[in-house]
Amino acid sequence: PAANLAPFVVGLVVVAIGMAWGTNAGYAINPARDFGP
C-alpha cells in the first residue's frame, strides 16, 4: 500500500482475522497482547 496506508491495511487484516478466526481461542495471535493483560 502506498501513501503510508500500510498500517491501515494491517489493521484490516486483524479485523478480518477477528471476524473469521475468533471462535476457537479469541484470536490473541500475539503473546504480549495476552500475557500482559
PDB file of all heavy atoms in Angstrom:
ATOM      1  N   PRO A   1       0.838  -1.196   0.000  1.00  0.00           N
ATOM      2  CA  PRO A   1       0.000   0.000   0.000  1.00  0.00           C
ATOM      3  C   PRO A   1       0.871   1.244   0.000  1.00  0.00           C
ATOM      4  O   PRO A   1       1.871   1.318   0.716  1.00  0.00           O
ATOM      5  CB  PRO A   1      -0.790  -0.101   1.316  1.00  0.00           C
ATOM      6  CG  PRO A   1      -0.666  -1.531   1.725  1.00  0.00           C
ATOM      7  CD  PRO A   1       0.632  -2.017   1.200  1.00  0.00           C
ATOM      8  N   ALA A   2       0.501   2.218  -0.814  1.00  0.00           N
ATOM      9  CA  ALA A   2       1.269   3.455  -0.885  1.00  0.00           C
ATOM     10  C   ALA A   2       0.663   4.497   0.049  1.00  0.00           C
ATOM     11  O   ALA A   2      -0.301   4.229   0.773  1.00  0.00           O
ATOM     12  CB  ALA A   2       1.298   3.959  -2.325  1.00  0.00           C
ATOM     13  N   ALA A   3       1.234   5.697   0.016  1.00  0.00           N
ATOM     14  CA  ALA A   3       0.727   6.841   0.781  1.00  0.00           C
ATOM     15  C   ALA A   3       0.596   6.531   2.275  1.00  0.00           C
ATOM     16  O   ALA A   3      -0.329   6.979   2.928  1.00  0.00           O
ATOM     17  CB  ALA A   3      -0.609   7.302   0.222  1.00  0.00           C
ATOM     18  N   ASN A   4       1.528   5.732   2.801  1.00  0.00           N
ATOM     19  CA  ASN A   4       1.556   5.421   4.231  1.00  0.00           C
ATOM     20  C   ASN A   4       0.278   4.739   4.711  1.00  0.00           C
ATOM     21  O   ASN A   4      -0.164   4.937   5.842  1.00  0.00           O
ATOM     22  CB  ASN A   4       1.818   6.691   5.049  1.00  0.00           C
ATOM     23  CG  ASN A   4       2.361   6.388   6.439  1.00  0.00           C
ATOM     24  OD1 ASN A   4       2.962   5.343   6.663  1.00  0.00           O
ATOM     25  ND2 ASN A   4       2.145   7.289   7.371  1.00  0.00           N
ATOM     26  N   LEU A   5      -0.306   3.915   3.862  1.00  0.00           N
ATOM     27  CA  LEU A   5      -1.542   3.220   4.226  1.00  0.00           C
ATOM     28  C   LEU A   5      -1.289   1.808   4.743  1.00  0.00           C
ATOM     29  O   LEU A   5      -2.243   1.116   5.099  1.00  0.00           O
ATOM     30  CB  LEU A   5      -2.496   3.157   3.021  1.00  0.00           C
ATOM     31  CG  LEU A   5      -3.213   4.461   2.678  1.00  0.00           C
ATOM     32  CD1 LEU A   5      -4.029   4.296   1.403  1.00  0.00           C
ATOM     33  CD2 LEU A   5      -4.107   4.907   3.825  1.00  0.00           C
ATOM     34  N   ALA A   6      -0.043   1.361   4.792  1.00  0.00           N
ATOM     35  CA  ALA A   6       0.236   0.003   5.266  1.00  0.00           C
ATOM     36  C   ALA A   6      -0.328  -0.256   6.666  1.00  0.00           C
ATOM     37  O   ALA A   6      -0.918  -1.320   6.905  1.00  0.00           O
ATOM     38  CB  ALA A   6       1.730  -0.288   5.217  1.00  0.00           C
ATOM     39  N   PRO A   7      -0.189   0.667   7.637  1.00  0.00           N
ATOM     40  CA  PRO A   7      -0.768   0.405   8.955  1.00  0.00           C
ATOM     41  C   PRO A   7      -2.274   0.187   8.912  1.00  0.00           C
ATOM     42  O   PRO A   7      -2.812  -0.652   9.646  1.00  0.00           O
ATOM     43  CB  PRO A   7      -0.420   1.663   9.760  1.00  0.00           C
ATOM     44  CG  PRO A   7       0.811   2.194   9.096  1.00  0.00           C
ATOM     45  CD  PRO A   7       0.607   1.919   7.637  1.00  0.00           C
ATOM     46  N   PHE A   8      -2.959   0.932   8.050  1.00  0.00           N
ATOM     47  CA  PHE A   8      -4.409   0.765   7.922  1.00  0.00           C
ATOM     48  C   PHE A   8      -4.749  -0.612   7.368  1.00  0.00           C
ATOM     49  O   PHE A   8      -5.672  -1.281   7.848  1.00  0.00           O
ATOM     50  CB  PHE A   8      -4.982   1.849   7.018  1.00  0.00           C
ATOM     51  CG  PHE A   8      -6.471   1.754   6.805  1.00  0.00           C
ATOM     52  CD1 PHE A   8      -7.350   2.033   7.839  1.00  0.00           C
ATOM     53  CD2 PHE A   8      -6.979   1.358   5.584  1.00  0.00           C
ATOM     54  CE1 PHE A   8      -8.728   1.940   7.649  1.00  0.00           C
ATOM     55  CE2 PHE A   8      -8.349   1.256   5.384  1.00  0.00           C
ATOM     56  CZ  PHE A   8      -9.221   1.546   6.418  1.00  0.00           C
ATOM     57  N   VAL A   9      -3.980  -1.060   6.385  1.00  0.00           N
ATOM     58  CA  VAL A   9      -4.242  -2.374   5.791  1.00  0.00           C
ATOM     59  C   VAL A   9      -3.936  -3.481   6.803  1.00  0.00           C
ATOM     60  O   VAL A   9      -4.681  -4.468   6.895  1.00  0.00           O
ATOM     61  CB  VAL A   9      -3.428  -2.553   4.495  1.00  0.00           C
ATOM     62  CG1 VAL A   9      -3.619  -3.952   3.933  1.00  0.00           C
ATOM     63  CG2 VAL A   9      -3.842  -1.510   3.469  1.00  0.00           C
ATOM     64  N   VAL A  10      -2.867  -3.336   7.572  1.00  0.00           N
ATOM     65  CA  VAL A  10      -2.566  -4.328   8.610  1.00  0.00           C
ATOM     66  C   VAL A  10      -3.700  -4.369   9.632  1.00  0.00           C
ATOM     67  O   VAL A  10      -4.099  -5.441  10.104  1.00  0.00           O
ATOM     68  CB  VAL A  10      -1.220  -4.019   9.289  1.00  0.00           C
ATOM     69  CG1 VAL A  10      -1.007  -4.930  10.491  1.00  0.00           C
ATOM     70  CG2 VAL A  10      -0.074  -4.211   8.294  1.00  0.00           C
ATOM     71  N   GLY A  11      -4.249  -3.206   9.968  1.00  0.00           N
ATOM     72  CA  GLY A  11      -5.408  -3.173  10.857  1.00  0.00           C
ATOM     73  C   GLY A  11      -6.585  -3.927  10.278  1.00  0.00           C
ATOM     74  O   GLY A  11      -7.288  -4.656  10.996  1.00  0.00           O
ATOM     75  N   LEU A  12      -6.818  -3.789   8.977  1.00  0.00           N
ATOM     76  CA  LEU A  12      -7.906  -4.531   8.328  1.00  0.00           C
ATOM     77  C   LEU A  12      -7.649  -6.037   8.370  1.00  0.00           C
ATOM     78  O   LEU A  12      -8.596  -6.828   8.481  1.00  0.00           O
ATOM     79  CB  LEU A  12      -8.066  -4.073   6.876  1.00  0.00           C
ATOM     80  CG  LEU A  12      -8.636  -2.672   6.664  1.00  0.00           C
ATOM     81  CD1 LEU A  12      -8.726  -2.371   5.169  1.00  0.00           C
ATOM     82  CD2 LEU A  12     -10.019  -2.533   7.302  1.00  0.00           C
ATOM     83  N   VAL A  13      -6.378  -6.421   8.279  1.00  0.00           N
ATOM     84  CA  VAL A  13      -6.043  -7.847   8.408  1.00  0.00           C
ATOM     85  C   VAL A  13      -6.495  -8.368   9.764  1.00  0.00           C
ATOM     86  O   VAL A  13      -7.087  -9.449   9.872  1.00  0.00           O
ATOM     87  CB  VAL A  13      -4.522  -8.062   8.221  1.00  0.00           C
ATOM     88  CG1 VAL A  13      -4.127  -9.478   8.630  1.00  0.00           C
ATOM     89  CG2 VAL A  13      -4.119  -7.782   6.779  1.00  0.00           C
ATOM     90  N   VAL A  14      -6.243  -7.598  10.822  1.00  0.00           N
ATOM     91  CA  VAL A  14      -6.641  -8.021  12.169  1.00  0.00           C
ATOM     92  C   VAL A  14      -8.155  -8.048  12.297  1.00  0.00           C
ATOM     93  O   VAL A  14      -8.719  -8.960  12.926  1.00  0.00           O
ATOM     94  CB  VAL A  14      -6.009  -7.095  13.226  1.00  0.00           C
ATOM     95  CG1 VAL A  14      -6.536  -7.417  14.619  1.00  0.00           C
ATOM     96  CG2 VAL A  14      -4.486  -7.231  13.197  1.00  0.00           C
ATOM     97  N   VAL A  15      -8.849  -7.092  11.696  1.00  0.00           N
ATOM     98  CA  VAL A  15     -10.326  -7.127  11.695  1.00  0.00           C
ATOM     99  C   VAL A  15     -10.810  -8.406  11.034  1.00  0.00           C
ATOM    100  O   VAL A  15     -11.697  -9.101  11.551  1.00  0.00           O
ATOM    101  CB  VAL A  15     -10.903  -5.898  10.961  1.00  0.00           C
ATOM    102  CG1 VAL A  15     -12.429  -6.035  10.801  1.00  0.00           C
ATOM    103  CG2 VAL A  15     -10.585  -4.619  11.718  1.00  0.00           C
ATOM    104  N   ALA A  16     -10.237  -8.735   9.881  1.00  0.00           N
ATOM    105  CA  ALA A  16     -10.660  -9.929   9.149  1.00  0.00           C
ATOM    106  C   ALA A  16     -10.390 -11.196   9.944  1.00  0.00           C
ATOM    107  O   ALA A  16     -11.222 -12.115   9.976  1.00  0.00           O
ATOM    108  CB  ALA A  16      -9.949  -9.983   7.794  1.00  0.00           C
ATOM    109  N   ILE A  17      -9.222 -11.278  10.589  1.00  0.00           N
ATOM    110  CA  ILE A  17      -8.917 -12.449  11.412  1.00  0.00           C
ATOM    111  C   ILE A  17      -9.909 -12.548  12.562  1.00  0.00           C
ATOM    112  O   ILE A  17     -10.402 -13.628  12.896  1.00  0.00           O
ATOM    113  CB  ILE A  17      -7.462 -12.383  11.931  1.00  0.00           C
ATOM    114  CG1 ILE A  17      -6.478 -12.577  10.767  1.00  0.00           C
ATOM    115  CG2 ILE A  17      -7.217 -13.461  12.998  1.00  0.00           C
ATOM    116  CD1 ILE A  17      -5.030 -12.349  11.141  1.00  0.00           C
ATOM    117  N   GLY A  18     -10.229 -11.412  13.176  1.00  0.00           N
ATOM    118  CA  GLY A  18     -11.198 -11.425  14.264  1.00  0.00           C
ATOM    119  C   GLY A  18     -12.559 -11.896  13.829  1.00  0.00           C
ATOM    120  O   GLY A  18     -13.259 -12.611  14.564  1.00  0.00           O
ATOM    121  N   MET A  19     -12.973 -11.517  12.634  1.00  0.00           N
ATOM    122  CA  MET A  19     -14.297 -11.893  12.147  1.00  0.00           C
ATOM    123  C   MET A  19     -14.354 -13.338  11.660  1.00  0.00           C
ATOM    124  O   MET A  19     -15.409 -13.973  11.710  1.00  0.00           O
ATOM    125  CB  MET A  19     -14.731 -10.946  11.026  1.00  0.00           C
ATOM    126  CG  MET A  19     -15.060  -9.552  11.521  1.00  0.00           C
ATOM    127  SD  MET A  19     -15.698  -8.487  10.212  1.00  0.00           S
ATOM    128  CE  MET A  19     -16.267  -7.071  11.179  1.00  0.00           C
ATOM    129  N   ALA A  20     -13.217 -13.862  11.212  1.00  0.00           N
ATOM    130  CA  ALA A  20     -13.213 -15.217  10.646  1.00  0.00           C
ATOM    131  C   ALA A  20     -12.580 -16.262  11.549  1.00  0.00           C
ATOM    132  O   ALA A  20     -12.856 -17.453  11.399  1.00  0.00           O
ATOM    133  CB  ALA A  20     -12.479 -15.211   9.299  1.00  0.00           C
ATOM    134  N   TRP A  21     -11.734 -15.832  12.496  1.00  0.00           N
ATOM    135  CA  TRP A  21     -10.969 -16.780  13.306  1.00  0.00           C
ATOM    136  C   TRP A  21     -11.032 -16.434  14.796  1.00  0.00           C
ATOM    137  O   TRP A  21     -10.065 -16.628  15.526  1.00  0.00           O
ATOM    138  CB  TRP A  21      -9.502 -16.806  12.845  1.00  0.00           C
ATOM    139  CG  TRP A  21      -9.356 -17.386  11.476  1.00  0.00           C
ATOM    140  CD1 TRP A  21      -9.443 -16.735  10.291  1.00  0.00           C
ATOM    141  CD2 TRP A  21      -9.150 -18.771  11.151  1.00  0.00           C
ATOM    142  NE1 TRP A  21      -9.283 -17.607   9.246  1.00  0.00           N
ATOM    143  CE2 TRP A  21      -9.101 -18.865   9.751  1.00  0.00           C
ATOM    144  CE3 TRP A  21      -8.988 -19.929  11.920  1.00  0.00           C
ATOM    145  CZ2 TRP A  21      -8.912 -20.067   9.093  1.00  0.00           C
ATOM    146  CZ3 TRP A  21      -8.789 -21.129  11.257  1.00  0.00           C
ATOM    147  CH2 TRP A  21      -8.753 -21.193   9.864  1.00  0.00           C
ATOM    148  N   GLY A  22     -12.171 -15.941  15.245  1.00  0.00           N
ATOM    149  CA  GLY A  22     -12.294 -15.522  16.632  1.00  0.00           C
ATOM    150  C   GLY A  22     -12.996 -16.498  17.550  1.00  0.00           C
ATOM    151  O   GLY A  22     -13.090 -16.259  18.753  1.00  0.00           O
ATOM    152  N   THR A  23     -13.492 -17.618  17.019  1.00  0.00           N
ATOM    153  CA  THR A  23     -14.341 -18.521  17.807  1.00  0.00           C
ATOM    154  C   THR A  23     -13.550 -19.423  18.744  1.00  0.00           C
ATOM    155  O   THR A  23     -13.878 -19.543  19.928  1.00  0.00           O
ATOM    156  CB  THR A  23     -15.195 -19.386  16.869  1.00  0.00           C
ATOM    157  OG1 THR A  23     -16.088 -18.531  16.150  1.00  0.00           O
ATOM    158  CG2 THR A  23     -16.018 -20.400  17.659  1.00  0.00           C
ATOM    159  N   ASN A  24     -12.520 -20.061  18.244  1.00  0.00           N
ATOM    160  CA  ASN A  24     -11.866 -21.132  18.999  1.00  0.00           C
ATOM    161  C   ASN A  24     -10.946 -20.668  20.118  1.00  0.00           C
ATOM    162  O   ASN A  24     -10.717 -21.416  21.073  1.00  0.00           O
ATOM    163  CB  ASN A  24     -11.071 -22.031  18.047  1.00  0.00           C
ATOM    164  CG  ASN A  24     -11.961 -23.012  17.329  1.00  0.00           C
ATOM    165  OD1 ASN A  24     -13.177 -22.943  17.415  1.00  0.00           O
ATOM    166  ND2 ASN A  24     -11.361 -23.931  16.592  1.00  0.00           N
ATOM    167  N   ALA A  25     -10.391 -19.449  19.993  1.00  0.00           N
ATOM    168  CA  ALA A  25      -9.421 -19.021  21.006  1.00  0.00           C
ATOM    169  C   ALA A  25      -9.339 -17.514  21.161  1.00  0.00           C
ATOM    170  O   ALA A  25      -8.390 -17.009  21.744  1.00  0.00           O
ATOM    171  CB  ALA A  25      -8.040 -19.582  20.674  1.00  0.00           C
ATOM    172  N   GLY A  26     -10.306 -16.788  20.629  1.00  0.00           N
ATOM    173  CA  GLY A  26     -10.328 -15.352  20.833  1.00  0.00           C
ATOM    174  C   GLY A  26      -9.271 -14.564  20.086  1.00  0.00           C
ATOM    175  O   GLY A  26      -9.015 -13.409  20.407  1.00  0.00           O
ATOM    176  N   TYR A  27      -8.643 -15.157  19.105  1.00  0.00           N
ATOM    177  CA  TYR A  27      -7.609 -14.552  18.242  1.00  0.00           C
ATOM    178  C   TYR A  27      -6.621 -13.653  18.979  1.00  0.00           C
ATOM    179  O   TYR A  27      -6.369 -12.525  18.632  1.00  0.00           O
ATOM    180  CB  TYR A  27      -8.230 -13.859  17.017  1.00  0.00           C
ATOM    181  CG  TYR A  27      -9.018 -12.569  17.189  1.00  0.00           C
ATOM    182  CD1 TYR A  27      -8.479 -11.345  16.815  1.00  0.00           C
ATOM    183  CD2 TYR A  27     -10.325 -12.589  17.675  1.00  0.00           C
ATOM    184  CE1 TYR A  27      -9.191 -10.169  16.934  1.00  0.00           C
ATOM    185  CE2 TYR A  27     -11.056 -11.431  17.806  1.00  0.00           C
ATOM    186  CZ  TYR A  27     -10.483 -10.210  17.428  1.00  0.00           C
ATOM    187  OH  TYR A  27     -11.201  -9.037  17.544  1.00  0.00           O
ATOM    188  N   ALA A  28      -5.957 -14.234  19.981  1.00  0.00           N
ATOM    189  CA  ALA A  28      -4.869 -13.496  20.630  1.00  0.00           C
ATOM    190  C   ALA A  28      -3.785 -13.157  19.606  1.00  0.00           C
ATOM    191  O   ALA A  28      -3.354 -12.014  19.502  1.00  0.00           O
ATOM    192  CB  ALA A  28      -4.268 -14.311  21.770  1.00  0.00           C
ATOM    193  N   ILE A  29      -3.308 -14.167  18.880  1.00  0.00           N
ATOM    194  CA  ILE A  29      -2.293 -14.059  17.817  1.00  0.00           C
ATOM    195  C   ILE A  29      -1.130 -13.134  18.200  1.00  0.00           C
ATOM    196  O   ILE A  29      -0.484 -12.553  17.327  1.00  0.00           O
ATOM    197  CB  ILE A  29      -2.905 -13.638  16.458  1.00  0.00           C
ATOM    198  CG1 ILE A  29      -3.680 -12.325  16.556  1.00  0.00           C
ATOM    199  CG2 ILE A  29      -3.803 -14.751  15.923  1.00  0.00           C
ATOM    200  CD1 ILE A  29      -4.221 -11.814  15.209  1.00  0.00           C
ATOM    201  N   ASN A  30      -0.857 -13.037  19.499  1.00  0.00           N
ATOM    202  CA  ASN A  30       0.148 -12.097  19.989  1.00  0.00           C
ATOM    203  C   ASN A  30       0.438 -12.422  21.452  1.00  0.00           C
ATOM    204  O   ASN A  30      -0.410 -12.178  22.313  1.00  0.00           O
ATOM    205  CB  ASN A  30      -0.399 -10.671  19.849  1.00  0.00           C
ATOM    206  CG  ASN A  30       0.579  -9.609  20.326  1.00  0.00           C
ATOM    207  OD1 ASN A  30       1.495  -9.862  21.097  1.00  0.00           O
ATOM    208  ND2 ASN A  30       0.351  -8.389  19.881  1.00  0.00           N
ATOM    209  N   PRO A  31       1.610 -12.966  21.757  1.00  0.00           N
ATOM    210  CA  PRO A  31       1.912 -13.319  23.152  1.00  0.00           C
ATOM    211  C   PRO A  31       1.840 -12.137  24.117  1.00  0.00           C
ATOM    212  O   PRO A  31       1.362 -12.285  25.249  1.00  0.00           O
ATOM    213  CB  PRO A  31       3.337 -13.872  23.064  1.00  0.00           C
ATOM    214  CG  PRO A  31       3.452 -14.400  21.672  1.00  0.00           C
ATOM    215  CD  PRO A  31       2.667 -13.436  20.837  1.00  0.00           C
ATOM    216  N   ALA A  32       2.311 -10.957  23.695  1.00  0.00           N
ATOM    217  CA  ALA A  32       2.287  -9.793  24.589  1.00  0.00           C
ATOM    218  C   ALA A  32       0.861  -9.351  24.852  1.00  0.00           C
ATOM    219  O   ALA A  32       0.506  -8.972  25.974  1.00  0.00           O
ATOM    220  CB  ALA A  32       3.089  -8.641  23.981  1.00  0.00           C
ATOM    221  N   ARG A  33       0.024  -9.387  23.824  1.00  0.00           N
ATOM    222  CA  ARG A  33      -1.364  -8.986  23.962  1.00  0.00           C
ATOM    223  C   ARG A  33      -2.086  -9.827  25.008  1.00  0.00           C
ATOM    224  O   ARG A  33      -2.969  -9.347  25.714  1.00  0.00           O
ATOM    225  CB  ARG A  33      -2.089  -9.108  22.611  1.00  0.00           C
ATOM    226  CG  ARG A  33      -3.611  -8.989  22.673  1.00  0.00           C
ATOM    227  CD  ARG A  33      -4.272 -10.360  22.793  1.00  0.00           C
ATOM    228  NE  ARG A  33      -5.715 -10.305  22.997  1.00  0.00           N
ATOM    229  CZ  ARG A  33      -6.331 -10.182  24.158  1.00  0.00           C
ATOM    230  NH1 ARG A  33      -5.631 -10.040  25.275  1.00  0.00           N
ATOM    231  NH2 ARG A  33      -7.642 -10.181  24.246  1.00  0.00           N
ATOM    232  N   ASP A  34      -1.726 -11.102  25.114  1.00  0.00           N
ATOM    233  CA  ASP A  34      -2.408 -11.977  26.060  1.00  0.00           C
ATOM    234  C   ASP A  34      -1.735 -11.984  27.427  1.00  0.00           C
ATOM    235  O   ASP A  34      -2.414 -11.851  28.447  1.00  0.00           O
ATOM    236  CB  ASP A  34      -2.467 -13.405  25.511  1.00  0.00           C
ATOM    237  CG  ASP A  34      -3.458 -14.263  26.275  1.00  0.00           C
ATOM    238  OD1 ASP A  34      -4.656 -14.233  25.931  1.00  0.00           O
ATOM    239  OD2 ASP A  34      -3.041 -14.942  27.233  1.00  0.00           O
ATOM    240  N   PHE A  35      -0.418 -12.121  27.469  1.00  0.00           N
ATOM    241  CA  PHE A  35       0.248 -12.284  28.756  1.00  0.00           C
ATOM    242  C   PHE A  35       0.221 -11.006  29.591  1.00  0.00           C
ATOM    243  O   PHE A  35       0.002 -11.060  30.809  1.00  0.00           O
ATOM    244  CB  PHE A  35       1.696 -12.741  28.566  1.00  0.00           C
ATOM    245  CG  PHE A  35       2.400 -13.011  29.869  1.00  0.00           C
ATOM    246  CD1 PHE A  35       2.170 -14.184  30.565  1.00  0.00           C
ATOM    247  CD2 PHE A  35       3.271 -12.072  30.420  1.00  0.00           C
ATOM    248  CE1 PHE A  35       2.799 -14.433  31.783  1.00  0.00           C
ATOM    249  CE2 PHE A  35       3.907 -12.310  31.631  1.00  0.00           C
ATOM    250  CZ  PHE A  35       3.660 -13.495  32.316  1.00  0.00           C
ATOM    251  N   GLY A  36       0.469  -9.861  28.975  1.00  0.00           N
ATOM    252  CA  GLY A  36       0.467  -8.608  29.725  1.00  0.00           C
ATOM    253  C   GLY A  36      -0.862  -8.354  30.425  1.00  0.00           C
ATOM    254  O   GLY A  36      -0.904  -8.150  31.653  1.00  0.00           O
ATOM    255  N   PRO A  37      -1.987  -8.374  29.707  1.00  0.00           N
ATOM    256  CA  PRO A  37      -3.288  -8.203  30.358  1.00  0.00           C
ATOM    257  C   PRO A  37      -3.638  -9.345  31.311  1.00  0.00           C
ATOM    258  O   PRO A  37      -4.302  -9.120  32.330  1.00  0.00           O
ATOM    259  CB  PRO A  37      -4.263  -8.142  29.182  1.00  0.00           C
ATOM    260  CG  PRO A  37      -3.446  -7.605  28.060  1.00  0.00           C
ATOM    261  CD  PRO A  37      -2.090  -8.240  28.244  1.00  0.00           C
TER     262      PRO A  37
END
